[in-house]
Amino acid sequence: MKYLKRIIYLVTIPAIGFSITLLTFYFHAGIVLGKLPKYNQPDPKTLEFYENYEMLISFFGNLWVITALLWLLLALIYLFKNRKNIFWKPIVISAFAQGLAIAILFSEITEWFAD
């Protein structure tokens, strides 16, 4: 079962990558603008460093959408196979990362980025 814990951690990496790259872009834009950006103020595509971040955000975002379902399936398998003696650390850490990515996905930050 050790390999299953490692795979659960592995499929969590895209969620962490998506969260970090999008938040980094958002706060970088805030530093450059002197205030945190809001929807259509300014359009993120007009920022000179947009292309640098857009590629990474799109890569991790697309990969995360695919691996989120895989993570859910693997977490359920892990819980089912270890139902007598569950080691919660991989589930809790990866669930926190997935939840953070979902929260960011439905936030104003993603709305601004997707503008």
N, C-alpha and C. Protein backbone atom coordinates (compact mmCIF):
# COMPACT_ATOMS: atom_id res chain seq x y z
N MET A 1 0.80 -1.20 0.00
CA MET A 1 0.00 0.00 0.00
C MET A 1 0.85 1.27 0.00
N LYS A 2 2.15 1.10 0.22
CA LYS A 2 3.01 2.28 0.20
C LYS A 2 2.98 2.98 -1.15
N TYR A 3 2.92 2.18 -2.21
CA TYR A 3 2.90 2.77 -3.55
C TYR A 3 1.64 3.59 -3.77
N LEU A 4 0.52 3.18 -3.18
CA LEU A 4 -0.73 3.90 -3.36
C LEU A 4 -0.66 5.27 -2.68
N LYS A 5 -0.03 5.36 -1.51
CA LYS A 5 0.15 6.65 -0.85
C LYS A 5 1.00 7.57 -1.71
N ARG A 6 2.05 7.03 -2.31
CA ARG A 6 2.92 7.85 -3.16
C ARG A 6 2.18 8.33 -4.40
N ILE A 7 1.34 7.49 -4.97
CA ILE A 7 0.57 7.88 -6.15
C ILE A 7 -0.44 8.97 -5.77
N ILE A 8 -1.04 8.86 -4.59
CA ILE A 8 -1.98 9.90 -4.12
C ILE A 8 -1.26 11.24 -4.01
N TYR A 9 -0.05 11.22 -3.45
CA TYR A 9 0.73 12.46 -3.38
C TYR A 9 1.08 12.96 -4.78
N LEU A 10 1.43 12.05 -5.67
CA LEU A 10 1.84 12.42 -7.03
C LEU A 10 0.70 13.11 -7.79
N VAL A 11 -0.51 12.58 -7.69
CA VAL A 11 -1.62 13.19 -8.43
C VAL A 11 -2.12 14.48 -7.77
N THR A 12 -1.56 14.82 -6.61
CA THR A 12 -1.88 16.08 -5.96
C THR A 12 -1.01 17.22 -6.47
N ILE A 13 0.12 16.91 -7.07
CA ILE A 13 1.05 17.92 -7.56
C ILE A 13 0.40 18.91 -8.54
N PRO A 14 -0.42 18.47 -9.51
CA PRO A 14 -1.05 19.47 -10.40
C PRO A 14 -1.95 20.46 -9.67
N ALA A 15 -2.65 20.03 -8.63
CA ALA A 15 -3.50 20.96 -7.87
C ALA A 15 -2.63 22.01 -7.17
N ILE A 16 -1.52 21.58 -6.60
CA ILE A 16 -0.61 22.50 -5.94
C ILE A 16 0.02 23.44 -6.97
N GLY A 17 0.42 22.89 -8.12
CA GLY A 17 1.02 23.70 -9.18
C GLY A 17 0.06 24.75 -9.71
N PHE A 18 -1.19 24.36 -9.90
CA PHE A 18 -2.21 25.31 -10.37
C PHE A 18 -2.39 26.44 -9.36
N SER A 19 -2.52 26.08 -8.09
CA SER A 19 -2.74 27.08 -7.05
C SER A 19 -1.57 28.04 -6.93
N ILE A 20 -0.37 27.50 -6.90
CA ILE A 20 0.82 28.34 -6.73
C ILE A 20 1.03 29.26 -7.92
N THR A 21 0.92 28.74 -9.14
CA THR A 21 1.17 29.59 -10.31
C THR A 21 0.11 30.67 -10.47
N LEU A 22 -1.16 30.34 -10.23
CA LEU A 22 -2.20 31.36 -10.38
C LEU A 22 -2.08 32.42 -9.29
N LEU A 23 -1.83 32.01 -8.05
CA LEU A 23 -1.68 32.99 -6.97
C LEU A 23 -0.43 33.85 -7.17
N THR A 24 0.64 33.24 -7.65
CA THR A 24 1.87 34.00 -7.92
C THR A 24 1.62 35.05 -9.00
N PHE A 25 0.93 34.69 -10.06
CA PHE A 25 0.60 35.64 -11.12
C PHE A 25 -0.28 36.77 -10.59
N TYR A 26 -1.27 36.41 -9.79
CA TYR A 26 -2.20 37.40 -9.25
C TYR A 26 -1.46 38.42 -8.36
N PHE A 27 -0.62 37.92 -7.46
CA PHE A 27 0.09 38.83 -6.56
C PHE A 27 1.22 39.58 -7.28
N HIS A 28 1.81 38.96 -8.30
CA HIS A 28 2.80 39.68 -9.11
C HIS A 28 2.13 40.86 -9.81
N ALA A 29 0.94 40.61 -10.37
CA ALA A 29 0.19 41.69 -11.00
C ALA A 29 -0.16 42.77 -9.98
N GLY A 30 -0.51 42.36 -8.77
CA GLY A 30 -0.81 43.32 -7.72
C GLY A 30 0.38 44.18 -7.35
N ILE A 31 1.56 43.59 -7.31
CA ILE A 31 2.77 44.36 -7.01
C ILE A 31 3.07 45.36 -8.12
N VAL A 32 2.96 44.91 -9.36
CA VAL A 32 3.23 45.80 -10.50
C VAL A 32 2.21 46.93 -10.58
N LEU A 33 0.94 46.62 -10.33
CA LEU A 33 -0.12 47.62 -10.44
C LEU A 33 -0.23 48.51 -9.21
N GLY A 34 0.27 48.07 -8.10
CA GLY A 34 0.13 48.82 -6.86
C GLY A 34 -1.15 48.52 -6.11
N LYS A 35 -2.00 47.68 -6.66
CA LYS A 35 -3.25 47.24 -6.03
C LYS A 35 -3.61 45.89 -6.63
N LEU A 36 -4.38 45.11 -5.91
CA LEU A 36 -4.78 43.81 -6.44
C LEU A 36 -5.76 44.01 -7.59
N PRO A 37 -5.57 43.27 -8.67
CA PRO A 37 -6.45 43.43 -9.83
C PRO A 37 -7.86 42.90 -9.55
N LYS A 38 -8.82 43.46 -10.25
CA LYS A 38 -10.21 43.02 -10.18
C LYS A 38 -10.64 42.69 -11.60
N TYR A 39 -11.83 42.15 -11.72
CA TYR A 39 -12.35 41.73 -13.02
C TYR A 39 -12.25 42.87 -14.04
N ASN A 40 -11.54 42.61 -15.11
CA ASN A 40 -11.37 43.52 -16.25
C ASN A 40 -10.65 44.82 -15.88
N GLN A 41 -9.94 44.85 -14.76
CA GLN A 41 -9.20 46.06 -14.37
C GLN A 41 -7.83 45.65 -13.86
N PRO A 42 -6.82 45.53 -14.58
CA PRO A 42 -6.74 45.55 -16.03
C PRO A 42 -6.96 44.15 -16.59
N ASP A 43 -7.09 44.08 -17.87
CA ASP A 43 -7.16 42.79 -18.54
C ASP A 43 -5.81 42.10 -18.36
N PRO A 44 -5.80 40.88 -17.85
CA PRO A 44 -4.51 40.24 -17.58
C PRO A 44 -3.65 40.04 -18.83
N LYS A 45 -4.29 39.97 -19.98
CA LYS A 45 -3.54 39.77 -21.22
C LYS A 45 -2.72 40.99 -21.61
N THR A 46 -3.01 42.13 -21.02
CA THR A 46 -2.25 43.34 -21.33
C THR A 46 -0.98 43.47 -20.49
N LEU A 47 -0.84 42.63 -19.48
CA LEU A 47 0.37 42.68 -18.66
C LEU A 47 1.52 42.04 -19.42
N GLU A 48 2.70 42.63 -19.32
CA GLU A 48 3.83 42.17 -20.12
C GLU A 48 4.33 40.79 -19.73
N PHE A 49 4.05 40.33 -18.54
CA PHE A 49 4.52 39.03 -18.08
C PHE A 49 3.43 37.95 -18.16
N TYR A 50 2.32 38.24 -18.82
CA TYR A 50 1.20 37.32 -18.93
C TYR A 50 1.59 36.00 -19.57
N GLU A 51 2.33 36.06 -20.67
CA GLU A 51 2.69 34.84 -21.40
C GLU A 51 3.54 33.90 -20.55
N ASN A 52 4.38 34.48 -19.69
CA ASN A 52 5.22 33.64 -18.85
C ASN A 52 4.39 32.78 -17.90
N TYR A 53 3.35 33.35 -17.35
CA TYR A 53 2.52 32.63 -16.39
C TYR A 53 1.42 31.82 -17.07
N GLU A 54 0.88 32.32 -18.15
CA GLU A 54 -0.27 31.69 -18.79
C GLU A 54 0.02 30.25 -19.18
N MET A 55 1.20 29.99 -19.70
CA MET A 55 1.56 28.65 -20.13
C MET A 55 1.54 27.69 -18.93
N LEU A 56 2.13 28.11 -17.81
CA LEU A 56 2.18 27.26 -16.62
C LEU A 56 0.80 27.07 -15.99
N ILE A 57 0.04 28.15 -15.91
CA ILE A 57 -1.30 28.06 -15.31
C ILE A 57 -2.19 27.14 -16.15
N SER A 58 -2.14 27.27 -17.45
CA SER A 58 -2.94 26.41 -18.32
C SER A 58 -2.49 24.95 -18.23
N PHE A 59 -1.18 24.73 -18.20
CA PHE A 59 -0.67 23.37 -18.10
C PHE A 59 -1.13 22.70 -16.81
N PHE A 60 -0.88 23.35 -15.68
CA PHE A 60 -1.26 22.76 -14.39
C PHE A 60 -2.77 22.69 -14.23
N GLY A 61 -3.50 23.67 -14.74
CA GLY A 61 -4.96 23.64 -14.65
C GLY A 61 -5.56 22.49 -15.43
N ASN A 62 -5.11 22.30 -16.66
CA ASN A 62 -5.62 21.19 -17.47
C ASN A 62 -5.24 19.84 -16.88
N LEU A 63 -4.01 19.73 -16.41
CA LEU A 63 -3.56 18.48 -15.79
C LEU A 63 -4.32 18.22 -14.49
N TRP A 64 -4.59 19.26 -13.74
CA TRP A 64 -5.32 19.10 -12.48
C TRP A 64 -6.74 18.60 -12.72
N VAL A 65 -7.41 19.11 -13.74
CA VAL A 65 -8.78 18.67 -14.03
C VAL A 65 -8.80 17.16 -14.29
N ILE A 66 -7.80 16.67 -14.99
CA ILE A 66 -7.72 15.24 -15.28
C ILE A 66 -7.39 14.44 -14.03
N THR A 67 -6.42 14.91 -13.25
CA THR A 67 -5.97 14.13 -12.10
C THR A 67 -6.88 14.25 -10.89
N ALA A 68 -7.76 15.23 -10.85
CA ALA A 68 -8.66 15.37 -9.69
C ALA A 68 -9.59 14.16 -9.58
N LEU A 69 -10.10 13.71 -10.70
CA LEU A 69 -10.96 12.52 -10.67
C LEU A 69 -10.16 11.27 -10.33
N LEU A 70 -8.95 11.20 -10.84
CA LEU A 70 -8.07 10.08 -10.51
C LEU A 70 -7.75 10.09 -9.02
N TRP A 71 -7.51 11.27 -8.46
CA TRP A 71 -7.23 11.38 -7.02
C TRP A 71 -8.41 10.88 -6.20
N LEU A 72 -9.61 11.26 -6.58
CA LEU A 72 -10.80 10.83 -5.85
C LEU A 72 -10.93 9.31 -5.88
N LEU A 73 -10.73 8.72 -7.03
CA LEU A 73 -10.79 7.27 -7.17
C LEU A 73 -9.72 6.59 -6.33
N LEU A 74 -8.49 7.08 -6.40
CA LEU A 74 -7.40 6.49 -5.62
C LEU A 74 -7.62 6.66 -4.12
N ALA A 75 -8.15 7.79 -3.69
CA ALA A 75 -8.42 8.01 -2.28
C ALA A 75 -9.49 7.04 -1.78
N LEU A 76 -10.51 6.81 -2.58
CA LEU A 76 -11.55 5.86 -2.19
C LEU A 76 -11.00 4.44 -2.11
N ILE A 77 -10.16 4.07 -3.07
CA ILE A 77 -9.53 2.75 -3.05
C ILE A 77 -8.65 2.60 -1.82
N TYR A 78 -7.88 3.63 -1.53
CA TYR A 78 -7.00 3.61 -0.36
C TYR A 78 -7.81 3.45 0.93
N LEU A 79 -8.89 4.19 1.06
CA LEU A 79 -9.73 4.09 2.25
C LEU A 79 -10.40 2.73 2.37
N PHE A 80 -10.81 2.18 1.24
CA PHE A 80 -11.46 0.88 1.25
C PHE A 80 -10.48 -0.23 1.63
N LYS A 81 -9.29 -0.20 1.05
CA LYS A 81 -8.30 -1.25 1.32
C LYS A 81 -7.73 -1.17 2.73
N ASN A 82 -7.68 0.01 3.30
CA ASN A 82 -7.11 0.20 4.64
C ASN A 82 -8.17 0.55 5.67
N ARG A 83 -9.37 0.09 5.50
CA ARG A 83 -10.46 0.52 6.38
C ARG A 83 -10.25 0.12 7.84
N LYS A 84 -9.46 -0.89 8.11
CA LYS A 84 -9.20 -1.30 9.50
C LYS A 84 -8.15 -0.41 10.17
N ASN A 85 -7.15 0.00 9.40
CA ASN A 85 -6.04 0.76 9.96
C ASN A 85 -5.65 1.88 8.98
N ILE A 86 -6.44 2.93 8.96
CA ILE A 86 -6.25 4.00 7.99
C ILE A 86 -5.19 4.98 8.49
N PHE A 87 -4.23 5.26 7.63
CA PHE A 87 -3.23 6.29 7.88
C PHE A 87 -3.71 7.53 7.13
N TRP A 88 -4.20 8.53 7.87
CA TRP A 88 -4.93 9.65 7.29
C TRP A 88 -4.06 10.72 6.64
N LYS A 89 -2.79 10.74 6.92
CA LYS A 89 -1.94 11.84 6.46
C LYS A 89 -2.00 12.07 4.95
N PRO A 90 -1.85 11.05 4.08
CA PRO A 90 -1.90 11.34 2.64
C PRO A 90 -3.27 11.83 2.17
N ILE A 91 -4.33 11.34 2.79
CA ILE A 91 -5.68 11.76 2.40
C ILE A 91 -5.92 13.21 2.81
N VAL A 92 -5.56 13.55 4.04
CA VAL A 92 -5.81 14.91 4.54
C VAL A 92 -4.98 15.94 3.78
N ILE A 93 -3.70 15.67 3.58
CA ILE A 93 -2.84 16.62 2.87
C ILE A 93 -3.31 16.81 1.44
N SER A 94 -3.59 15.71 0.75
CA SER A 94 -4.02 15.83 -0.64
C SER A 94 -5.42 16.43 -0.75
N ALA A 95 -6.30 16.13 0.19
CA ALA A 95 -7.65 16.73 0.17
C ALA A 95 -7.56 18.23 0.39
N PHE A 96 -6.66 18.67 1.27
CA PHE A 96 -6.48 20.10 1.49
C PHE A 96 -6.00 20.78 0.21
N ALA A 97 -5.04 20.17 -0.49
CA ALA A 97 -4.53 20.75 -1.74
C ALA A 97 -5.62 20.79 -2.81
N GLN A 98 -6.40 19.72 -2.91
CA GLN A 98 -7.49 19.70 -3.89
C GLN A 98 -8.55 20.74 -3.53
N GLY A 99 -8.88 20.86 -2.26
CA GLY A 99 -9.87 21.85 -1.83
C GLY A 99 -9.41 23.27 -2.07
N LEU A 100 -8.13 23.53 -1.83
CA LEU A 100 -7.58 24.86 -2.10
C LEU A 100 -7.67 25.19 -3.58
N ALA A 101 -7.34 24.24 -4.43
CA ALA A 101 -7.41 24.47 -5.88
C ALA A 101 -8.86 24.72 -6.32
N ILE A 102 -9.79 23.99 -5.73
CA ILE A 102 -11.21 24.19 -6.07
C ILE A 102 -11.67 25.58 -5.60
N ALA A 103 -11.25 25.97 -4.41
CA ALA A 103 -11.61 27.30 -3.90
C ALA A 103 -11.06 28.41 -4.80
N ILE A 104 -9.83 28.24 -5.26
CA ILE A 104 -9.23 29.23 -6.16
C ILE A 104 -9.94 29.23 -7.51
N LEU A 105 -10.33 28.04 -7.98
CA LEU A 105 -11.01 27.94 -9.27
C LEU A 105 -12.31 28.74 -9.27
N PHE A 106 -13.03 28.76 -8.16
CA PHE A 106 -14.31 29.46 -8.09
C PHE A 106 -14.19 30.84 -7.44
N SER A 107 -12.99 31.39 -7.44
CA SER A 107 -12.78 32.70 -6.82
C SER A 107 -12.71 33.80 -7.87
N GLU A 108 -12.61 35.02 -7.39
CA GLU A 108 -12.47 36.18 -8.28
C GLU A 108 -11.13 36.18 -9.00
N ILE A 109 -10.17 35.49 -8.45
CA ILE A 109 -8.84 35.43 -9.09
C ILE A 109 -8.94 34.73 -10.43
N THR A 110 -9.61 33.58 -10.47
CA THR A 110 -9.78 32.85 -11.73
C THR A 110 -10.67 33.63 -12.68
N GLU A 111 -11.68 34.29 -12.14
CA GLU A 111 -12.55 35.13 -12.98
C GLU A 111 -11.74 36.22 -13.66
N TRP A 112 -10.85 36.84 -12.91
CA TRP A 112 -9.99 37.89 -13.48
C TRP A 112 -9.04 37.29 -14.51
N PHE A 113 -8.43 36.15 -14.20
CA PHE A 113 -7.47 35.54 -15.12
C PHE A 113 -8.13 35.10 -16.42
N ALA A 114 -9.34 34.56 -16.32
CA ALA A 114 -10.04 34.04 -17.50
C ALA A 114 -10.70 35.15 -18.32
N ASP A 115 -10.63 36.37 -17.84
CA ASP A 115 -11.26 37.52 -18.50
C ASP A 115 -10.86 37.61 -19.94
